[in-house]
Amino acid sequence: MWMSLHSSGVALPAAPGDMVMTIRGSKNMNKSLFWIYVVLSIVGLVTAWIFNGLAVMNNQDYMNAWFGTAADWVLSADFTVVAIAVVVFMITEARRLKMKRVWLYILLSGVTAMAFTFPLFMAMRERQLAKISSTQIAV
C-alpha cells in the first residue's frame, strides 16, 4: 500500500487515483519545531560545557557524584535507561527515514552531552521529514 507522508507526520492514502490531502500550516510547524530543536541543542551544548568545565576546574569526582548516594543511583539509572531508549529511537528512526550518519550523534553524545545531540538529531529528523513530505513512500 502506498502512503504519502506529510510534514505533519500523518500518512494519507496515495494510491493511484486517490486524492492526497495536504494539511495547511504544517510546513510552518516543521520550521518551528526545527528551530526549537536547534535552540535546545545549543542550550544543551552550552550547559554541558559550562557545568563540565566547572566540575573539571573544581576537580570533582564524577563517579562519586553519579553514584555516591541512593538518590544519585536512582537519577543515574533513570538517565541511563532514557539514554538507551533515545539511542534505540535514533537508530530505528534514522533507518526508517533513511537518515545518514546516525552513529555520529551517538558518538558525540559520549564526548558532549545527550542534551546536545538528541535535540540536534530531532532537528535533522524534522528536516528529513520535510524533505520527504512530498514524495511517495511504501508503508
N, C-alpha and C. Protein backbone atom coordinates (compact mmCIF):
# COMPACT_ATOMS: atom_id res chain seq x y z
N MET A 1 0.85 -1.17 0.00
CA MET A 1 0.00 0.00 0.00
C MET A 1 0.89 1.23 0.00
N TRP A 2 0.58 2.17 -0.83
CA TRP A 2 1.36 3.40 -0.91
C TRP A 2 0.74 4.45 -0.03
N MET A 3 1.59 5.16 0.70
CA MET A 3 1.13 6.24 1.57
C MET A 3 1.97 7.47 1.28
N SER A 4 1.39 8.61 1.52
CA SER A 4 2.12 9.86 1.38
C SER A 4 2.37 10.38 2.78
N LEU A 5 3.62 10.61 3.13
CA LEU A 5 3.95 11.10 4.46
C LEU A 5 4.08 12.61 4.38
N HIS A 6 3.17 13.30 5.05
CA HIS A 6 3.18 14.76 5.03
C HIS A 6 4.01 15.29 6.18
N SER A 7 4.32 16.57 6.12
CA SER A 7 5.20 17.18 7.12
C SER A 7 4.63 17.10 8.52
N SER A 8 3.33 16.87 8.65
CA SER A 8 2.74 16.72 9.97
C SER A 8 3.04 15.35 10.56
N GLY A 9 3.60 14.47 9.72
CA GLY A 9 3.88 13.12 10.19
C GLY A 9 2.70 12.18 9.98
N VAL A 10 1.59 12.68 9.40
CA VAL A 10 0.41 11.87 9.17
C VAL A 10 0.50 11.22 7.80
N ALA A 11 0.32 9.92 7.74
CA ALA A 11 0.34 9.23 6.46
C ALA A 11 -1.08 9.21 5.89
N LEU A 12 -1.21 9.64 4.66
CA LEU A 12 -2.50 9.69 3.99
C LEU A 12 -2.48 8.78 2.78
N PRO A 13 -3.64 8.18 2.41
CA PRO A 13 -3.67 7.30 1.23
C PRO A 13 -3.19 8.03 -0.01
N ALA A 14 -2.38 7.36 -0.81
CA ALA A 14 -1.88 7.98 -2.02
C ALA A 14 -1.72 6.96 -3.14
N ALA A 15 -2.66 6.02 -3.20
CA ALA A 15 -2.65 5.07 -4.31
C ALA A 15 -3.04 5.81 -5.57
N PRO A 16 -2.67 5.30 -6.73
CA PRO A 16 -3.06 5.98 -7.97
C PRO A 16 -4.56 6.23 -7.99
N GLY A 17 -4.94 7.44 -8.26
CA GLY A 17 -6.34 7.83 -8.30
C GLY A 17 -6.89 8.32 -6.98
N ASP A 18 -6.20 8.05 -5.88
CA ASP A 18 -6.65 8.56 -4.58
C ASP A 18 -6.35 10.04 -4.48
N MET A 19 -7.18 10.74 -3.72
CA MET A 19 -6.94 12.15 -3.51
C MET A 19 -6.00 12.31 -2.31
N VAL A 20 -4.92 13.04 -2.48
CA VAL A 20 -3.97 13.27 -1.41
C VAL A 20 -4.29 14.62 -0.78
N MET A 21 -4.49 14.60 0.53
CA MET A 21 -4.82 15.84 1.23
C MET A 21 -3.55 16.45 1.81
N THR A 22 -3.49 17.75 1.81
CA THR A 22 -2.39 18.42 2.48
C THR A 22 -2.95 19.15 3.69
N ILE A 23 -2.15 19.29 4.69
CA ILE A 23 -2.58 19.94 5.92
C ILE A 23 -2.01 21.34 5.94
N ARG A 24 -2.88 22.33 5.97
CA ARG A 24 -2.43 23.71 5.94
C ARG A 24 -1.60 24.04 7.18
N GLY A 25 -0.54 24.81 6.97
CA GLY A 25 0.28 25.28 8.07
C GLY A 25 1.27 24.25 8.59
N SER A 26 1.23 23.05 8.06
CA SER A 26 2.11 22.01 8.60
C SER A 26 3.58 22.29 8.31
N LYS A 27 3.87 22.95 7.18
CA LYS A 27 5.27 23.28 6.89
C LYS A 27 5.80 24.30 7.88
N ASN A 28 4.97 25.26 8.28
CA ASN A 28 5.39 26.23 9.29
C ASN A 28 5.65 25.53 10.62
N MET A 29 4.82 24.55 10.95
CA MET A 29 5.03 23.82 12.20
C MET A 29 6.37 23.10 12.16
N ASN A 30 6.71 22.51 11.02
CA ASN A 30 8.00 21.84 10.90
C ASN A 30 9.15 22.82 11.08
N LYS A 31 9.05 24.01 10.49
CA LYS A 31 10.10 25.01 10.66
C LYS A 31 10.22 25.41 12.12
N SER A 32 9.08 25.58 12.77
CA SER A 32 9.10 25.95 14.19
C SER A 32 9.75 24.86 15.02
N LEU A 33 9.33 23.62 14.79
CA LEU A 33 9.93 22.51 15.53
C LEU A 33 11.42 22.40 15.26
N PHE A 34 11.80 22.57 14.00
CA PHE A 34 13.22 22.53 13.64
C PHE A 34 14.00 23.53 14.48
N TRP A 35 13.54 24.78 14.53
CA TRP A 35 14.27 25.82 15.25
C TRP A 35 14.20 25.64 16.76
N ILE A 36 13.10 25.10 17.27
CA ILE A 36 13.02 24.79 18.70
C ILE A 36 14.08 23.75 19.05
N TYR A 37 14.19 22.71 18.23
CA TYR A 37 15.20 21.67 18.47
C TYR A 37 16.62 22.22 18.34
N VAL A 38 16.86 23.10 17.38
CA VAL A 38 18.19 23.69 17.23
C VAL A 38 18.55 24.51 18.47
N VAL A 39 17.61 25.32 18.95
CA VAL A 39 17.87 26.13 20.15
C VAL A 39 18.12 25.22 21.35
N LEU A 40 17.30 24.18 21.52
CA LEU A 40 17.51 23.25 22.63
C LEU A 40 18.87 22.56 22.53
N SER A 41 19.27 22.24 21.32
CA SER A 41 20.58 21.62 21.12
C SER A 41 21.71 22.55 21.54
N ILE A 42 21.61 23.81 21.16
CA ILE A 42 22.63 24.80 21.54
C ILE A 42 22.65 24.98 23.06
N VAL A 43 21.48 25.08 23.67
CA VAL A 43 21.40 25.21 25.14
C VAL A 43 22.02 23.97 25.79
N GLY A 44 21.72 22.79 25.26
CA GLY A 44 22.30 21.56 25.81
C GLY A 44 23.81 21.53 25.73
N LEU A 45 24.36 22.01 24.60
CA LEU A 45 25.81 22.04 24.44
C LEU A 45 26.46 23.05 25.38
N VAL A 46 25.88 24.24 25.45
CA VAL A 46 26.45 25.30 26.29
C VAL A 46 26.40 24.91 27.77
N THR A 47 25.26 24.36 28.22
CA THR A 47 25.19 23.97 29.63
C THR A 47 26.15 22.82 29.94
N ALA A 48 26.32 21.91 29.00
CA ALA A 48 27.29 20.82 29.22
C ALA A 48 28.69 21.38 29.35
N TRP A 49 29.06 22.30 28.46
CA TRP A 49 30.38 22.93 28.54
C TRP A 49 30.57 23.64 29.87
N ILE A 50 29.58 24.43 30.26
CA ILE A 50 29.71 25.23 31.50
C ILE A 50 29.86 24.31 32.71
N PHE A 51 28.92 23.37 32.89
CA PHE A 51 28.93 22.57 34.11
C PHE A 51 30.03 21.51 34.11
N ASN A 52 30.36 20.96 32.96
CA ASN A 52 31.51 20.05 32.92
C ASN A 52 32.81 20.81 33.16
N GLY A 53 32.90 22.02 32.63
CA GLY A 53 34.07 22.86 32.88
C GLY A 53 34.22 23.18 34.36
N LEU A 54 33.12 23.52 35.01
CA LEU A 54 33.16 23.80 36.45
C LEU A 54 33.58 22.56 37.24
N ALA A 55 33.05 21.40 36.85
CA ALA A 55 33.40 20.15 37.55
C ALA A 55 34.88 19.84 37.39
N VAL A 56 35.42 20.04 36.20
CA VAL A 56 36.84 19.78 35.96
C VAL A 56 37.70 20.78 36.73
N MET A 57 37.33 22.06 36.70
CA MET A 57 38.12 23.09 37.41
C MET A 57 38.10 22.87 38.92
N ASN A 58 36.99 22.33 39.44
CA ASN A 58 36.88 22.06 40.87
C ASN A 58 37.37 20.66 41.23
N ASN A 59 37.92 19.95 40.24
CA ASN A 59 38.47 18.62 40.46
C ASN A 59 37.47 17.68 41.13
N GLN A 60 36.22 17.70 40.64
CA GLN A 60 35.17 16.87 41.23
C GLN A 60 35.27 15.43 40.75
N ASP A 61 34.85 14.54 41.61
CA ASP A 61 34.85 13.10 41.33
C ASP A 61 33.52 12.73 40.67
N TYR A 62 33.56 12.49 39.35
CA TYR A 62 32.33 12.18 38.61
C TYR A 62 31.65 10.92 39.13
N MET A 63 32.41 9.86 39.36
CA MET A 63 31.82 8.59 39.79
C MET A 63 31.10 8.74 41.12
N ASN A 64 31.71 9.45 42.06
CA ASN A 64 31.07 9.66 43.35
C ASN A 64 29.84 10.55 43.20
N ALA A 65 29.92 11.53 42.32
CA ALA A 65 28.78 12.42 42.10
C ALA A 65 27.60 11.66 41.48
N TRP A 66 27.89 10.72 40.59
CA TRP A 66 26.83 9.97 39.93
C TRP A 66 26.29 8.83 40.78
N PHE A 67 27.14 8.22 41.61
CA PHE A 67 26.74 7.01 42.31
C PHE A 67 27.02 7.07 43.81
N GLY A 68 27.13 8.26 44.38
CA GLY A 68 27.50 8.41 45.78
C GLY A 68 26.42 8.02 46.77
N THR A 69 25.18 8.33 46.48
CA THR A 69 24.08 8.03 47.39
C THR A 69 23.00 7.26 46.64
N ALA A 70 22.01 6.77 47.39
CA ALA A 70 20.89 6.05 46.77
C ALA A 70 20.12 6.96 45.81
N ALA A 71 19.98 8.22 46.18
CA ALA A 71 19.29 9.18 45.29
C ALA A 71 20.08 9.38 44.00
N ASP A 72 21.39 9.42 44.12
CA ASP A 72 22.24 9.53 42.92
C ASP A 72 22.08 8.31 42.02
N TRP A 73 21.99 7.12 42.64
CA TRP A 73 21.80 5.90 41.87
C TRP A 73 20.48 5.93 41.10
N VAL A 74 19.43 6.42 41.75
CA VAL A 74 18.12 6.50 41.09
C VAL A 74 18.21 7.40 39.86
N LEU A 75 18.79 8.58 40.03
CA LEU A 75 18.91 9.50 38.90
C LEU A 75 19.81 8.94 37.81
N SER A 76 20.90 8.32 38.21
CA SER A 76 21.83 7.74 37.23
C SER A 76 21.17 6.62 36.44
N ALA A 77 20.46 5.75 37.14
CA ALA A 77 19.76 4.65 36.47
C ALA A 77 18.67 5.20 35.55
N ASP A 78 17.96 6.21 36.01
CA ASP A 78 16.90 6.82 35.21
C ASP A 78 17.48 7.42 33.92
N PHE A 79 18.53 8.20 34.05
CA PHE A 79 19.17 8.81 32.88
C PHE A 79 19.75 7.75 31.94
N THR A 80 20.29 6.68 32.51
CA THR A 80 20.87 5.62 31.68
C THR A 80 19.79 4.93 30.85
N VAL A 81 18.67 4.61 31.48
CA VAL A 81 17.56 3.97 30.75
C VAL A 81 17.03 4.89 29.66
N VAL A 82 16.86 6.17 29.98
CA VAL A 82 16.39 7.14 28.98
C VAL A 82 17.41 7.25 27.84
N ALA A 83 18.68 7.30 28.17
CA ALA A 83 19.72 7.42 27.13
C ALA A 83 19.71 6.20 26.20
N ILE A 84 19.53 5.01 26.76
CA ILE A 84 19.45 3.81 25.93
C ILE A 84 18.23 3.87 25.03
N ALA A 85 17.09 4.29 25.58
CA ALA A 85 15.87 4.42 24.78
C ALA A 85 16.05 5.45 23.66
N VAL A 86 16.73 6.54 23.96
CA VAL A 86 16.99 7.57 22.95
C VAL A 86 17.86 7.02 21.83
N VAL A 87 18.89 6.28 22.18
CA VAL A 87 19.78 5.70 21.17
C VAL A 87 19.01 4.72 20.28
N VAL A 88 18.18 3.87 20.90
CA VAL A 88 17.37 2.93 20.11
C VAL A 88 16.43 3.70 19.19
N PHE A 89 15.79 4.75 19.70
CA PHE A 89 14.90 5.58 18.88
C PHE A 89 15.66 6.21 17.72
N MET A 90 16.83 6.79 18.01
CA MET A 90 17.60 7.45 16.95
C MET A 90 17.99 6.46 15.86
N ILE A 91 18.42 5.27 16.24
CA ILE A 91 18.83 4.28 15.24
C ILE A 91 17.64 3.83 14.40
N THR A 92 16.54 3.47 15.05
CA THR A 92 15.39 2.98 14.30
C THR A 92 14.76 4.07 13.45
N GLU A 93 14.68 5.27 13.97
CA GLU A 93 14.09 6.38 13.22
C GLU A 93 14.99 6.78 12.05
N ALA A 94 16.29 6.77 12.26
CA ALA A 94 17.22 7.09 11.18
C ALA A 94 17.13 6.06 10.06
N ARG A 95 16.99 4.80 10.42
CA ARG A 95 16.82 3.76 9.39
C ARG A 95 15.51 3.94 8.65
N ARG A 96 14.44 4.20 9.41
CA ARG A 96 13.11 4.36 8.80
C ARG A 96 13.08 5.52 7.82
N LEU A 97 13.72 6.62 8.20
CA LEU A 97 13.70 7.83 7.37
C LEU A 97 14.90 7.92 6.44
N LYS A 98 15.75 6.89 6.47
CA LYS A 98 16.95 6.86 5.62
C LYS A 98 17.88 8.05 5.88
N MET A 99 18.05 8.36 7.17
CA MET A 99 18.98 9.41 7.57
C MET A 99 20.37 8.80 7.67
N LYS A 100 21.36 9.55 7.26
CA LYS A 100 22.73 9.05 7.26
C LYS A 100 23.48 9.48 8.52
N ARG A 101 24.50 8.71 8.85
CA ARG A 101 25.45 9.02 9.92
C ARG A 101 24.82 9.18 11.31
N VAL A 102 23.84 8.36 11.64
CA VAL A 102 23.25 8.42 12.98
C VAL A 102 24.29 8.08 14.04
N TRP A 103 25.29 7.27 13.67
CA TRP A 103 26.34 6.88 14.61
C TRP A 103 27.08 8.11 15.14
N LEU A 104 27.11 9.18 14.34
CA LEU A 104 27.81 10.39 14.75
C LEU A 104 27.12 11.06 15.95
N TYR A 105 25.79 11.06 15.96
CA TYR A 105 25.05 11.62 17.10
C TYR A 105 25.35 10.82 18.36
N ILE A 106 25.40 9.50 18.22
CA ILE A 106 25.66 8.63 19.36
C ILE A 106 27.08 8.83 19.87
N LEU A 107 28.05 8.90 18.97
CA LEU A 107 29.44 9.14 19.35
C LEU A 107 29.58 10.51 20.04
N LEU A 108 28.98 11.53 19.46
CA LEU A 108 29.06 12.87 20.05
C LEU A 108 28.40 12.94 21.42
N SER A 109 27.40 12.09 21.67
CA SER A 109 26.75 12.06 22.99
C SER A 109 27.75 11.71 24.08
N GLY A 110 28.69 10.84 23.74
CA GLY A 110 29.69 10.44 24.73
C GLY A 110 30.73 11.49 25.04
N VAL A 111 30.98 12.39 24.09
CA VAL A 111 32.01 13.42 24.31
C VAL A 111 31.42 14.81 24.53
N THR A 112 30.14 14.98 24.30
CA THR A 112 29.49 16.27 24.59
C THR A 112 28.39 16.01 25.60
N ALA A 113 27.15 15.89 25.13
CA ALA A 113 26.03 15.60 26.01
C ALA A 113 24.84 15.15 25.17
N MET A 114 24.05 14.24 25.73
CA MET A 114 22.82 13.82 25.07
C MET A 114 21.88 15.02 24.93
N ALA A 115 21.99 15.98 25.84
CA ALA A 115 21.17 17.20 25.76
C ALA A 115 21.52 18.04 24.54
N PHE A 116 22.67 17.80 23.95
CA PHE A 116 23.07 18.46 22.70
C PHE A 116 22.69 17.60 21.50
N THR A 117 23.05 16.33 21.53
CA THR A 117 22.91 15.50 20.33
C THR A 117 21.48 15.07 20.04
N PHE A 118 20.68 14.81 21.07
CA PHE A 118 19.31 14.37 20.79
C PHE A 118 18.46 15.48 20.17
N PRO A 119 18.46 16.70 20.72
CA PRO A 119 17.72 17.76 20.02
C PRO A 119 18.27 18.03 18.61
N LEU A 120 19.59 17.89 18.44
CA LEU A 120 20.17 18.06 17.10
C LEU A 120 19.65 16.98 16.16
N PHE A 121 19.60 15.74 16.64
CA PHE A 121 19.02 14.66 15.84
C PHE A 121 17.57 14.96 15.50
N MET A 122 16.81 15.44 16.48
CA MET A 122 15.39 15.74 16.23
C MET A 122 15.23 16.85 15.20
N ALA A 123 16.12 17.84 15.23
CA ALA A 123 16.08 18.92 14.22
C ALA A 123 16.35 18.34 12.84
N MET A 124 17.35 17.47 12.74
CA MET A 124 17.66 16.86 11.45
C MET A 124 16.55 15.91 11.01
N ARG A 125 15.88 15.30 11.96
CA ARG A 125 14.72 14.46 11.66
C ARG A 125 13.60 15.30 11.05
N GLU A 126 13.34 16.46 11.64
CA GLU A 126 12.32 17.36 11.08
C GLU A 126 12.69 17.77 9.67
N ARG A 127 13.96 18.04 9.46
CA ARG A 127 14.44 18.41 8.12
C ARG A 127 14.22 17.26 7.14
N GLN A 128 14.51 16.05 7.58
CA GLN A 128 14.31 14.88 6.72
C GLN A 128 12.82 14.65 6.44
N LEU A 129 11.97 14.82 7.44
CA LEU A 129 10.53 14.67 7.23
C LEU A 129 10.01 15.70 6.23
N ALA A 130 10.51 16.92 6.33
CA ALA A 130 10.11 17.96 5.38
C ALA A 130 10.59 17.61 3.98
N LYS A 131 11.77 17.02 3.91
CA LYS A 131 12.35 16.66 2.61
C LYS A 131 11.53 15.58 1.91
N ILE A 132 11.03 14.61 2.68
CA ILE A 132 10.28 13.52 2.07
C ILE A 132 8.77 13.74 2.08
N SER A 133 8.31 14.87 2.60
CA SER A 133 6.87 15.09 2.75
C SER A 133 6.12 15.08 1.43
N SER A 134 6.76 15.43 0.36
CA SER A 134 6.06 15.47 -0.92
C SER A 134 6.33 14.25 -1.79
N THR A 135 7.07 13.27 -1.25
CA THR A 135 7.38 12.07 -2.03
C THR A 135 6.51 10.92 -1.58
N GLN A 136 6.41 9.92 -2.40
CA GLN A 136 5.65 8.71 -2.09
C GLN A 136 6.59 7.71 -1.43
N ILE A 137 6.13 7.13 -0.31
CA ILE A 137 6.93 6.08 0.33
C ILE A 137 6.04 4.86 0.56
N ALA A 138 6.62 3.70 0.53
CA ALA A 138 5.87 2.48 0.79
C ALA A 138 5.79 2.26 2.28
N VAL A 139 4.58 1.96 2.77
CA VAL A 139 4.40 1.70 4.19
C VAL A 139 3.92 0.28 4.38
